[in-house]
Protein backbone atom coordinates (compact mmCIF):
# COMPACT_ATOMS: atom_id res chain seq x y z
CA MET A 1 -21.56 37.12 -68.73
CA GLU A 2 -23.86 35.16 -66.45
CA THR A 3 -25.07 31.73 -68.05
CA VAL A 4 -28.74 30.82 -67.95
CA ASN A 5 -29.95 28.34 -65.32
CA PRO A 6 -30.48 24.98 -67.30
CA ALA A 7 -33.54 24.44 -64.72
CA LEU A 8 -35.28 27.12 -66.77
CA LEU A 9 -35.22 25.53 -70.16
CA LYS A 10 -38.10 22.99 -70.47
CA PRO A 11 -38.67 21.42 -73.98
CA ASP A 12 -41.53 19.22 -74.80
CA PRO A 13 -41.07 16.09 -72.66
CA SER A 14 -42.61 14.04 -75.61
CA SER A 15 -39.92 15.07 -77.78
CA PRO A 16 -37.29 12.64 -78.58
CA ILE A 17 -33.63 13.16 -76.84
CA PRO A 18 -31.45 15.24 -79.41
CA SER A 19 -28.55 13.28 -80.91
CA ILE A 20 -25.34 15.13 -80.42
CA SER A 21 -22.99 15.55 -83.45
CA THR A 22 -19.79 13.64 -83.66
CA ASP A 23 -18.21 16.96 -83.98
CA VAL A 24 -18.16 18.36 -80.43
CA SER A 25 -16.29 21.09 -81.26
CA ARG A 26 -19.09 23.03 -83.13
CA LEU A 27 -21.63 22.57 -80.39
CA SER A 28 -22.97 25.85 -78.65
CA VAL A 29 -23.54 25.73 -75.08
CA ALA A 30 -27.18 26.68 -75.91
CA GLU A 31 -27.55 23.20 -77.61
CA LEU A 32 -25.76 21.11 -74.66
CA ARG A 33 -28.08 23.18 -72.30
CA GLU A 34 -30.99 22.00 -74.52
CA TYR A 35 -29.74 18.28 -74.65
CA VAL A 36 -29.13 18.42 -70.47
CA ALA A 37 -32.60 19.82 -70.11
CA SER A 38 -34.21 17.04 -72.35
CA VAL A 39 -32.22 14.29 -70.37
CA GLN A 40 -33.85 15.52 -67.37
CA ASN A 41 -37.24 15.26 -68.81
CA HIS A 42 -36.78 11.69 -69.73
CA ILE A 43 -35.43 10.86 -66.41
CA ASP A 44 -38.62 12.44 -65.05
CA ALA A 45 -40.61 9.82 -67.14
CA LEU A 46 -38.21 7.22 -65.99
CA VAL A 47 -38.94 7.89 -62.51
CA LEU A 48 -42.74 7.36 -63.08
CA ALA A 49 -42.07 4.42 -65.12
CA VAL A 50 -40.13 2.71 -62.28
CA ASP A 51 -42.83 3.56 -59.91
CA GLY A 52 -45.76 1.29 -61.84
CA VAL A 53 -43.57 -0.91 -64.11
CA ALA A 54 -44.70 -4.35 -63.42
CA THR A 55 -41.53 -6.50 -62.72
CA GLY A 56 -40.28 -9.27 -60.64
CA ALA A 57 -37.13 -8.99 -58.37
CA SER A 58 -34.60 -10.41 -60.92
CA GLU A 59 -35.58 -7.83 -63.64
CA LEU A 60 -35.50 -5.31 -61.02
CA ASP A 61 -32.11 -5.95 -59.90
CA HIS A 62 -30.80 -5.50 -63.56
CA LEU A 63 -33.12 -2.07 -63.70
CA ALA A 64 -31.48 -0.80 -60.57
CA ALA A 65 -28.12 -1.95 -61.65
CA GLY A 66 -28.91 0.25 -64.96
CA VAL A 67 -29.76 3.23 -62.94
CA GLU A 68 -26.76 3.06 -60.52
CA GLU A 69 -24.56 3.05 -63.63
CA LEU A 70 -26.48 6.31 -65.06
CA SER A 71 -25.78 7.92 -61.68
CA HIS A 72 -21.88 7.11 -62.12
CA GLN A 73 -22.13 8.55 -65.51
CA VAL A 74 -23.88 11.86 -64.13
CA GLY A 75 -20.99 11.87 -61.78
CA ARG A 76 -18.61 11.77 -64.73
CA LEU A 77 -20.49 15.10 -65.89
CA GLN A 78 -20.27 16.70 -62.41
CA VAL A 79 -16.54 16.49 -62.40
CA LYS A 80 -16.13 17.48 -66.04
CA ALA A 81 -18.33 20.63 -65.28
CA ALA A 82 -16.31 21.41 -62.02
CA VAL A 83 -12.69 20.97 -64.06
CA ARG A 84 -13.87 23.10 -66.69
CA MET A 85 -15.35 25.93 -64.56
CA GLU A 86 -11.96 25.78 -62.66
CA SER A 87 -10.08 26.11 -66.31
CA VAL A 88 -12.46 29.05 -67.34
CA VAL A 89 -11.89 30.95 -64.22
CA GLN A 90 -8.16 30.67 -64.38
CA GLU A 91 -8.27 31.60 -68.02
CA LEU A 92 -9.97 35.00 -66.80
CA LYS A 93 -7.64 35.61 -64.14
CA ASP A 94 -4.47 34.89 -66.30
CA SER A 95 -6.02 37.74 -69.02
CA GLN A 96 -6.79 40.08 -66.07
CA THR A 97 -10.33 40.59 -67.11
CA PHE A 98 -11.39 39.09 -63.89
CA THR A 99 -10.36 39.61 -60.42
CA PRO A 100 -12.25 38.71 -56.94
CA ARG A 101 -12.80 42.08 -56.51
CA ARG A 102 -15.18 42.39 -59.55
CA SER A 103 -16.97 39.20 -58.79
CA ARG A 104 -18.76 37.86 -55.95
CA PHE A 105 -16.86 34.32 -56.29
CA ARG A 106 -13.08 34.25 -55.16
CA SER A 107 -12.61 30.76 -56.72
CA ALA A 108 -14.29 27.90 -59.20
CA THR A 109 -14.96 26.41 -55.84
CA GLU A 110 -16.77 28.73 -54.55
CA ARG A 111 -18.57 29.70 -57.43
CA LEU A 112 -19.94 26.29 -58.12
CA SER A 113 -20.76 25.52 -54.51
CA GLN A 114 -22.90 28.87 -54.57
CA VAL A 115 -24.23 28.14 -58.05
CA LEU A 116 -24.93 24.67 -57.50
CA HIS A 117 -26.00 24.74 -53.85
CA VAL A 118 -23.53 22.07 -52.40
CA ASN A 119 -20.78 22.33 -49.92
CA PRO A 120 -17.25 23.68 -51.20
CA ALA A 121 -15.72 20.03 -49.89
CA GLU A 122 -18.05 18.32 -52.48
CA VAL A 123 -16.58 20.57 -55.31
CA GLN A 124 -13.23 20.17 -54.23
CA LYS A 125 -13.84 16.30 -54.14
CA ARG A 126 -14.87 16.61 -57.87
CA LEU A 127 -11.89 18.71 -58.88
CA ASP A 128 -9.67 16.29 -57.03
CA VAL A 129 -10.76 13.48 -58.92
CA ALA A 130 -10.69 15.31 -62.20
CA HIS A 131 -7.00 16.21 -61.54
CA ALA A 132 -6.16 12.61 -60.87
CA VAL A 133 -7.76 11.34 -64.15
CA SER A 134 -6.06 14.03 -66.18
CA GLU A 135 -2.81 13.84 -64.70
CA ALA A 136 -3.02 9.94 -64.33
CA VAL A 137 -1.93 10.23 -60.64
CA ALA A 138 -4.06 7.00 -59.97
CA PRO A 139 -4.33 5.17 -63.30
CA ALA A 140 -6.41 2.52 -62.01
CA VAL A 141 -8.85 4.84 -60.29
CA ALA A 142 -8.98 7.08 -63.25
CA ASP A 143 -9.92 4.09 -65.66
CA ALA A 144 -12.76 2.57 -63.41
CA PHE A 145 -14.05 6.26 -63.14
CA ALA A 146 -14.06 6.85 -66.64
CA GLN A 147 -15.95 3.65 -67.30
CA GLY A 148 -18.56 4.71 -64.79
CA LEU A 149 -17.65 2.04 -62.35
CA LEU A 150 -16.84 4.49 -59.61
CA THR A 151 -18.72 7.25 -57.79
CA VAL A 152 -17.20 10.52 -57.17
CA GLY A 153 -17.25 10.06 -53.51
CA VAL A 154 -15.41 6.46 -53.69
CA ALA A 155 -13.09 7.56 -56.08
CA ALA A 156 -12.04 10.34 -54.01
CA ARG A 157 -11.93 8.27 -50.93
CA ILE A 158 -9.64 5.63 -52.44
CA MET A 159 -7.21 8.58 -53.71
CA SER A 160 -7.23 10.07 -50.00
CA ALA A 161 -6.07 6.50 -48.81
CA LEU A 162 -3.37 5.92 -51.43
CA GLU A 163 -2.14 9.76 -50.42
CA ARG A 164 -1.81 8.70 -46.74
CA LEU A 165 -0.60 5.12 -47.43
CA GLU A 166 2.15 6.76 -50.13
CA PRO A 167 4.84 7.78 -47.17
CA ALA A 168 4.89 4.45 -45.67
CA ILE A 169 4.99 2.61 -49.04
CA GLU A 170 8.02 4.65 -50.16
CA GLN A 171 9.75 4.11 -46.70
CA LEU A 172 9.45 0.35 -46.84
CA SER A 173 10.35 0.09 -50.44
CA PRO A 174 13.99 -0.30 -51.31
CA THR A 175 13.80 1.21 -54.81
CA ARG A 176 11.18 3.71 -56.55
CA GLU A 177 9.98 0.81 -58.84
CA GLU A 178 9.37 -1.35 -56.16
CA ALA A 179 7.40 1.63 -54.55
CA GLU A 180 5.54 2.28 -57.72
CA ALA A 181 4.63 -1.41 -57.93
CA LEU A 182 3.25 -1.46 -54.37
CA LYS A 183 1.19 1.38 -54.86
CA TRP A 184 -0.24 0.25 -58.10
CA LYS A 185 -0.93 -3.10 -56.16
CA VAL A 186 -2.70 -1.28 -53.35
CA GLU A 187 -4.71 1.03 -55.83
CA SER A 188 -5.81 -1.98 -58.17
CA ASP A 189 -6.71 -4.15 -55.03
CA LEU A 190 -9.13 -1.17 -53.65
CA VAL A 191 -10.74 -0.47 -57.04
CA GLY A 192 -11.31 -3.99 -57.54
CA ILE A 193 -13.23 -4.38 -54.01
CA ALA A 194 -14.85 -0.96 -54.82
CA VAL A 195 -16.33 -1.98 -58.01
CA SER A 196 -17.29 -5.43 -57.15
CA GLY A 197 -18.10 -4.67 -53.31
CA THR A 198 -19.28 -2.07 -51.16
CA PRO A 199 -18.05 1.31 -50.07
CA SER A 200 -17.62 -0.14 -46.51
CA ALA A 201 -15.93 -3.41 -48.14
CA MET A 202 -13.26 -1.18 -49.54
CA GLU A 203 -12.96 1.15 -46.54
CA ARG A 204 -12.02 -2.17 -44.56
CA GLN A 205 -9.54 -2.87 -47.27
CA VAL A 206 -7.85 0.44 -46.54
CA ARG A 207 -7.28 -0.65 -42.79
CA VAL A 208 -5.88 -3.90 -43.89
CA TRP A 209 -3.17 -2.33 -45.87
CA GLN A 210 -2.50 0.12 -43.14
CA HIS A 211 -2.20 -2.70 -40.64
CA GLN A 212 -0.04 -4.55 -43.19
CA LEU A 213 2.39 -1.53 -43.70
CA ASP A 214 2.38 -0.75 -39.83
CA ALA A 215 3.27 -4.30 -39.10
CA GLN A 216 6.51 -3.91 -41.31
CA GLY A 217 7.74 -1.41 -38.76
CA VAL A 218 7.06 1.73 -40.78
CA LEU A 219 7.93 5.06 -38.97
CA PRO A 220 5.95 8.29 -39.23
CA THR A 221 7.75 10.92 -41.20
CA ARG A 222 7.95 14.60 -39.86
CA GLU A 223 5.31 15.78 -42.32
CA VAL A 224 2.92 12.83 -40.75
CA LYS A 225 3.85 13.91 -37.18
CA ARG A 226 3.07 17.45 -38.11
CA GLU A 227 -0.10 16.57 -39.87
CA LEU A 228 -1.47 13.65 -37.19
CA GLN A 229 0.40 13.58 -34.09
CA GLY A 230 -0.58 15.62 -30.88
CA ALA A 231 -3.26 15.90 -28.22
CA PHE A 232 -6.65 17.38 -29.56
CA PHE A 233 -9.23 18.63 -27.75
CA LYS A 234 -12.72 17.80 -28.90
CA GLY A 235 -15.20 19.58 -26.82
CA LYS A 236 -17.39 18.87 -23.94
CA LYS A 237 -20.13 15.95 -24.30
CA MET A 238 -22.33 14.87 -21.48
CA GLY A 239 -20.37 16.43 -18.68
CA LEU A 240 -17.11 14.64 -19.95
CA PHE A 241 -14.24 16.40 -21.50
CA GLU A 242 -13.25 14.62 -24.96
CA TRP A 243 -9.53 14.50 -26.33
CA THR A 244 -8.08 12.60 -29.03
CA PHE A 245 -4.20 11.58 -28.35
CA ARG A 246 -1.96 10.16 -31.31
CA LEU A 247 1.22 8.82 -30.15
CA ASP A 248 4.27 7.48 -31.73
CA GLU A 249 6.09 4.32 -30.41
CA LEU A 250 7.84 5.75 -27.69
CA GLN A 251 5.26 7.78 -26.31
CA GLN A 252 2.84 4.61 -26.76
CA GLU A 253 5.23 2.84 -24.39
CA GLN A 254 5.62 5.27 -21.97
CA PHE A 255 1.43 5.78 -21.76
CA LEU A 256 1.19 1.98 -21.45
CA THR A 257 3.83 1.87 -18.77
CA ALA A 258 1.88 4.56 -16.67
CA VAL A 259 -1.37 2.91 -17.20
CA ALA A 260 -0.36 -0.61 -16.37
CA PRO A 261 -0.72 -0.73 -12.83
CA GLU A 262 -4.39 0.27 -13.20
CA VAL A 263 -5.37 -2.22 -15.88
CA ASN A 264 -3.32 -5.09 -14.76
CA PRO A 265 -4.27 -7.60 -13.78
CA ARG A 266 -6.99 -7.11 -16.12
CA THR A 267 -10.19 -7.94 -14.21
CA PRO A 268 -13.38 -6.29 -14.73
CA ASP A 269 -14.24 -6.54 -11.00
CA HIS A 270 -12.56 -7.20 -7.46
CA VAL A 271 -12.89 -11.05 -7.79
CA VAL A 272 -9.80 -12.68 -6.45
CA GLY A 273 -8.81 -16.04 -7.88
CA SER A 274 -7.02 -17.56 -10.93
CA ASP A 275 -8.79 -16.30 -13.50
CA SER A 276 -9.03 -12.73 -12.32
CA GLY A 277 -5.17 -12.35 -11.96
CA VAL A 278 -5.55 -11.46 -8.49
CA VAL A 279 -3.90 -13.77 -5.95
CA PRO A 280 -5.98 -15.42 -3.43
CA LEU A 281 -5.26 -14.75 0.61
CA LEU A 282 -4.80 -18.16 2.22
CA ASP A 283 -4.37 -18.70 5.63
CA ILE A 284 -1.92 -21.33 7.53
CA ASP A 285 -4.26 -24.36 6.40
CA GLY A 286 -4.59 -23.21 3.15
CA LEU A 287 -7.91 -21.89 3.43
CA GLU A 288 -9.28 -18.79 1.53
CA ILE A 289 -9.25 -15.82 3.52
CA PRO A 290 -12.08 -13.34 2.50
CA VAL A 291 -11.17 -9.87 1.48
CA ALA A 292 -14.32 -8.31 2.76
CA MET A 293 -16.49 -8.54 5.94
CA ASP A 294 -19.14 -6.60 7.60
CA GLU A 295 -19.10 -4.97 10.84
CA SER A 296 -19.76 -8.37 12.81
CA GLY A 297 -17.00 -10.34 11.38
CA LYS A 298 -19.08 -12.22 8.47
CA PRO A 299 -17.46 -12.68 5.35
CA VAL A 300 -19.40 -10.63 2.31
CA GLU A 301 -19.20 -10.51 -1.17
CA PRO A 302 -17.15 -7.36 -2.17
CA PRO A 303 -18.96 -4.84 -4.71
CA LYS A 304 -17.94 -5.20 -8.54
CA ASP A 305 -15.59 -2.79 -10.32
CA ASP A 306 -17.82 -1.87 -13.02
CA ARG A 307 -15.14 0.49 -14.72
CA SER A 308 -14.41 -0.06 -18.37
CA LEU A 309 -11.15 -0.66 -19.62
CA GLY A 310 -11.27 2.98 -21.05
CA GLN A 311 -11.52 4.14 -17.67
CA LYS A 312 -9.03 2.09 -16.05
CA ARG A 313 -6.70 3.62 -18.77
CA LEU A 314 -7.75 7.04 -17.95
CA ASP A 315 -7.33 6.16 -13.96
CA GLY A 316 -3.90 5.04 -14.77
CA LEU A 317 -2.80 8.07 -16.75
CA MET A 318 -4.42 10.49 -14.10
CA HIS A 319 -2.52 8.75 -11.33
CA ALA A 320 0.87 9.18 -13.22
CA VAL A 321 -0.13 13.15 -13.89
CA THR A 322 -1.25 13.69 -10.12
CA THR A 323 1.86 12.06 -8.81
CA ALA A 324 4.17 14.24 -11.28
CA LEU A 325 2.25 17.47 -9.87
CA SER A 326 2.78 16.48 -6.24
CA THR A 327 6.48 15.68 -6.65
CA GLY A 328 7.46 18.97 -7.75
CA LYS A 329 9.58 17.77 -10.54
CA LEU A 330 7.80 19.36 -13.39
CA SER A 331 8.99 22.47 -15.36
CA ARG A 332 8.28 25.77 -13.59
CA HIS A 333 5.52 27.75 -15.41
CA GLY A 334 5.78 31.74 -14.39
CA GLY A 335 8.26 30.90 -11.74
CA TYR A 336 6.04 28.40 -10.03
CA GLN A 337 5.63 25.04 -9.72
CA PRO A 338 2.64 23.81 -11.78
CA GLN A 339 -0.55 23.36 -9.16
CA VAL A 340 -4.31 23.01 -9.72
CA VAL A 341 -6.12 26.10 -8.63
CA VAL A 342 -9.73 26.49 -8.35
CA ASN A 343 -11.91 29.41 -6.91
CA ILE A 344 -15.01 28.68 -4.88
CA ASP A 345 -17.27 30.87 -2.64
CA HIS A 346 -17.55 29.77 0.84
CA LYS A 347 -21.53 28.98 1.01
CA THR A 348 -20.98 26.96 -2.31
CA LEU A 349 -17.95 24.78 -0.61
CA GLN A 350 -19.95 24.14 2.43
CA ASP A 351 -23.47 23.62 1.01
CA GLU A 352 -24.97 21.02 -1.57
CA LEU A 353 -26.49 23.20 -4.64
CA THR A 354 -30.42 22.73 -3.96
CA THR A 355 -31.32 26.15 -5.50
CA HIS A 356 -30.77 28.16 -8.78
CA GLU A 357 -29.06 30.69 -7.16
CA LEU A 358 -25.92 32.31 -8.62
CA PHE A 359 -22.56 30.69 -7.50
CA ARG A 360 -18.99 30.85 -8.08
CA SER A 361 -17.13 27.74 -8.97
CA ASP A 362 -14.24 27.50 -11.50
CA ALA A 363 -10.91 26.20 -12.35
CA VAL A 364 -7.97 28.30 -13.67
CA HIS A 365 -7.54 26.16 -16.91
CA SER A 366 -10.69 24.68 -17.57
CA GLY A 367 -13.40 27.73 -16.39
CA PRO A 368 -16.69 26.46 -14.79
CA MET A 369 -16.37 23.74 -12.45
CA ASN A 370 -19.00 21.70 -10.62
CA PRO A 371 -18.48 22.28 -7.01
CA ILE A 372 -18.81 18.45 -6.19
CA SER A 373 -15.61 17.87 -8.22
CA ILE A 374 -13.99 20.65 -6.37
CA ARG A 375 -14.88 19.10 -2.84
CA GLN A 376 -12.97 15.90 -3.88
CA LEU A 377 -10.17 18.13 -5.01
CA ALA A 378 -10.41 19.66 -1.65
CA CYS A 379 -8.74 16.35 0.09
CA ASN A 380 -5.89 16.40 -2.07
CA ALA A 381 -2.63 18.33 -1.38
CA GLU A 382 -2.18 18.96 -5.00
CA LEU A 383 -4.98 21.52 -4.92
CA ILE A 384 -4.88 24.88 -3.95
CA PRO A 385 -8.52 26.08 -3.27
CA VAL A 386 -9.09 29.96 -3.32
CA VAL A 387 -12.23 30.20 -1.04
CA LEU A 388 -14.13 33.57 -1.64
CA GLY A 389 -16.40 35.24 0.78
CA SER A 390 -19.86 37.13 -0.11
CA ALA A 391 -18.05 40.01 -1.54
CA SER A 392 -15.57 37.98 -3.72
CA GLN A 393 -12.90 38.72 -1.03
CA VAL A 394 -10.27 35.83 -0.61
CA VAL A 395 -11.16 34.10 2.74
CA ASP A 396 -8.78 30.92 2.50
CA ALA A 397 -6.11 30.39 0.14
CA GLY A 398 -4.78 26.89 0.56
CA SER A 399 -4.86 26.70 4.28
CA ARG A 400 -2.13 23.97 5.28
CA LYS A 401 -4.52 22.81 8.20
CA ARG A 402 -6.91 20.92 5.90
CA LEU A 403 -3.73 18.72 4.66
CA PHE A 404 -2.59 15.41 6.31
CA THR A 405 1.08 15.79 7.65
CA ALA A 406 3.68 13.55 6.55
CA GLU A 407 3.78 11.79 10.05
CA GLN A 408 -0.07 11.52 9.83
CA ARG A 409 0.18 9.83 6.35
CA LYS A 410 2.83 7.32 7.52
CA LEU A 411 0.45 6.24 10.10
CA LEU A 412 -2.52 6.21 7.42
CA TYR A 413 -0.27 4.05 5.29
CA ALA A 414 0.62 1.65 7.99
CA ARG A 415 -3.32 1.33 9.25
CA ASP A 416 -5.03 1.26 5.77
CA ARG A 417 -1.87 -0.19 3.19
CA GLY A 418 -4.33 0.64 0.63
CA CYS A 419 -7.61 1.38 -0.75
CA THR A 420 -10.35 0.78 1.96
CA PHE A 421 -12.97 -0.11 -0.30
CA PRO A 422 -14.10 -3.68 0.25
CA GLY A 423 -12.26 -5.97 -2.19
CA CYS A 424 -10.21 -3.22 -3.93
CA THR A 425 -6.57 -4.17 -4.33
CA ARG A 426 -4.78 -1.00 -4.94
CA GLY A 427 -1.91 -0.06 -2.51
CA VAL A 428 -1.30 3.03 -0.79
CA ASP A 429 0.94 4.41 -4.01
CA ARG A 430 -2.17 4.85 -5.94
CA CYS A 431 -4.10 6.15 -3.14
CA GLU A 432 -5.39 9.54 -1.47
CA ALA A 433 -5.89 10.43 1.95
CA HIS A 434 -9.72 11.36 2.25
CA HIS A 435 -11.63 13.36 4.94
CA VAL A 436 -14.46 10.86 5.86
CA HIS A 437 -16.47 14.02 6.93
CA GLU A 438 -15.68 16.52 4.74
CA TYR A 439 -13.29 19.24 5.33
CA SER A 440 -15.48 21.86 3.74
CA LYS A 441 -18.12 20.87 6.06
CA GLY A 442 -16.42 20.81 9.14
CA GLY A 443 -14.37 17.62 9.23
CA VAL A 444 -11.18 17.66 11.05
CA THR A 445 -7.78 16.36 9.55
CA THR A 446 -7.11 13.60 12.13
CA LEU A 447 -6.48 9.58 11.54
CA GLU A 448 -9.90 9.08 12.99
CA ASN A 449 -11.37 11.01 10.15
CA ALA A 450 -9.34 9.70 7.23
CA ALA A 451 -9.46 6.92 4.98
CA MET A 452 -7.34 5.83 1.96
CA VAL A 453 -9.32 5.67 -1.15
CA CYS A 454 -8.05 5.20 -4.88
CA SER A 455 -8.99 7.64 -7.42
CA HIS A 456 -11.85 5.23 -8.68
CA HIS A 457 -13.43 5.05 -5.12
CA HIS A 458 -12.76 8.58 -4.30
CA HIS A 459 -14.96 9.51 -7.14
CA LEU A 460 -17.51 7.03 -6.07
CA VAL A 461 -17.66 8.33 -2.31
CA HIS A 462 -18.00 11.97 -3.70
CA GLU A 463 -20.46 11.35 -6.40
CA THR A 464 -22.69 8.65 -5.17
CA PRO A 465 -24.67 7.84 -2.04
CA TRP A 466 -22.02 5.55 -0.86
CA THR A 467 -20.44 6.89 2.42
CA ILE A 468 -17.62 5.70 4.66
CA GLN A 469 -18.31 5.29 8.65
CA MET A 470 -15.52 5.08 11.13
CA ARG A 471 -15.70 2.06 13.48
CA GLN A 472 -12.88 1.54 16.12
CA GLY A 473 -10.58 3.52 13.74
CA VAL A 474 -11.53 1.29 11.01
CA PRO A 475 -12.93 2.69 7.97
CA TYR A 476 -16.23 0.80 6.81
CA TRP A 477 -18.35 1.45 3.46
CA GLN A 478 -22.04 1.79 3.31
CA PRO A 479 -23.51 1.08 0.05
CA PRO A 480 -26.64 3.17 -1.39
CA ILE A 481 -29.96 1.89 -0.23
CA ASP A 482 -31.05 1.06 -3.69
CA GLU A 483 -27.94 -1.32 -4.51
CA GLU A 484 -28.33 -2.88 -0.90
CA PRO A 485 -31.56 -2.45 0.89
CA ASP A 486 -30.06 -3.82 4.03
CA GLN A 487 -27.05 -1.39 3.69
CA PRO A 488 -24.61 -3.45 5.47
CA LEU A 489 -21.12 -2.09 6.65
CA MET A 490 -18.15 -3.63 4.93
CA ARG A 491 -14.46 -3.33 5.24
CA ASN A 492 -11.38 -4.29 3.11
CA LEU A 493 -9.56 -7.16 4.27
CA TYR A 494 -7.24 -7.86 1.24
CA PHE A 495 -4.49 -5.71 2.87
CA HIS A 496 -4.98 -7.23 6.19
CA PRO A 497 -5.67 -11.12 5.96
CA GLU A 498 -4.02 -11.28 9.64
CA LYS A 499 -6.97 -9.03 11.06
CA ALA A 500 -9.75 -11.01 9.42
CA GLY A 501 -11.20 -12.18 12.79
CA GLN A 502 -11.12 -8.74 14.45
CA LEU A 503 -13.30 -5.86 14.38
CA ALA A 504 -10.93 -3.23 14.82
CA LEU A 505 -7.47 -1.98 13.48
CA SER A 506 -5.58 0.26 15.52
CA ALA A 507 -2.83 2.68 13.84
């Protein structure tokens, strides 16, 4: 039988709140509904009274505290109602007088969610608290909640934290008794802070306990790893693909080892000096040699490296990935060495996108890809571009003519020795060969049209107005006019201190 909505019961607001008999077992549901409706009407009166009452700040503090305590008591009622509904639904199922097919609700959680118009997660939170209170899973939480000192949300959050910390507590405790004592200490601490402080203070204390347990060398169990460890794709935001990684100790060390060359020395820019961690270049007289100069031989201030620490870590990781792809030592996939494969139509590869006409530009795994990214990838040997004609026929499938030969790369390494961006200190092992005049736009694969660039500055030259110009076999970088109105040509001297007085380098 469907119950009557309590909101439909509207007794006289001026009537006193009816008292409940001490023998609660004799109360009917109708009497309880009447009592709830009467309390609702008196709360309506309280709302009006609070709005217009004449009081000072101190008295208002006490009034607000009383109202908050009342809301906690309402939370107790919500939990009691939820667990009672769960019990009744289970009894009906056990008696075989109720089945999911004969009701539009499959569970107590779904039933309460629909009737009360709250999320199933909120209903489940109330049920979890009810179970913890009745089963004494968390005695300190149960006691504080029974006294109306905790909200449903805070009580559920403490129990969730205890459940997450319990494996670590048991792992670090020699005996079961010591584990129970430590768990009680953590629970009591969190309840005390939740009662006397704020939810955010309690959240901070959860992190404090987690850090203390981690500091003692706790290892994740197989269950914890199965639940938390891995690489998780979070979607695409503002043109960036978002991932979350959770690593064990060995994986963390391997990751830090891979990114270390990019983040160390930990300098926010390319300033050379003792504070930056980059050793300055000195001549035979002990004078510092500039790391960048313009085309007339005048020392210039190198541009700053404005990457964040997160970007540097990512660049280090991607360097490790691209190195693994280029060495051919990765496990075979489908009988072939893993390779980056993209599709792009010939017109899009050659032209800048200036209209809204349809075009073909995508990668095998990621799907649609901006043509600018493919143009940058076209500089690298690790990419196989499949270029399509107007009728989608394949007109080029990774022609080797665009790639620098091994002999060319040796000469290029000897000539540039590292990234050619002014002031950059990344060596050739962390650089890529870039076509100064893009191959996709007719650029040839020669030393006179090549420059070594690190991954960061490779993105820079493809994605911004920064350009490279060759002067007597030397790559010079020219900044955008909005950064440097004079647009001076600048070259990197960090890898060529002996050439500081010369205008050209020969391979």
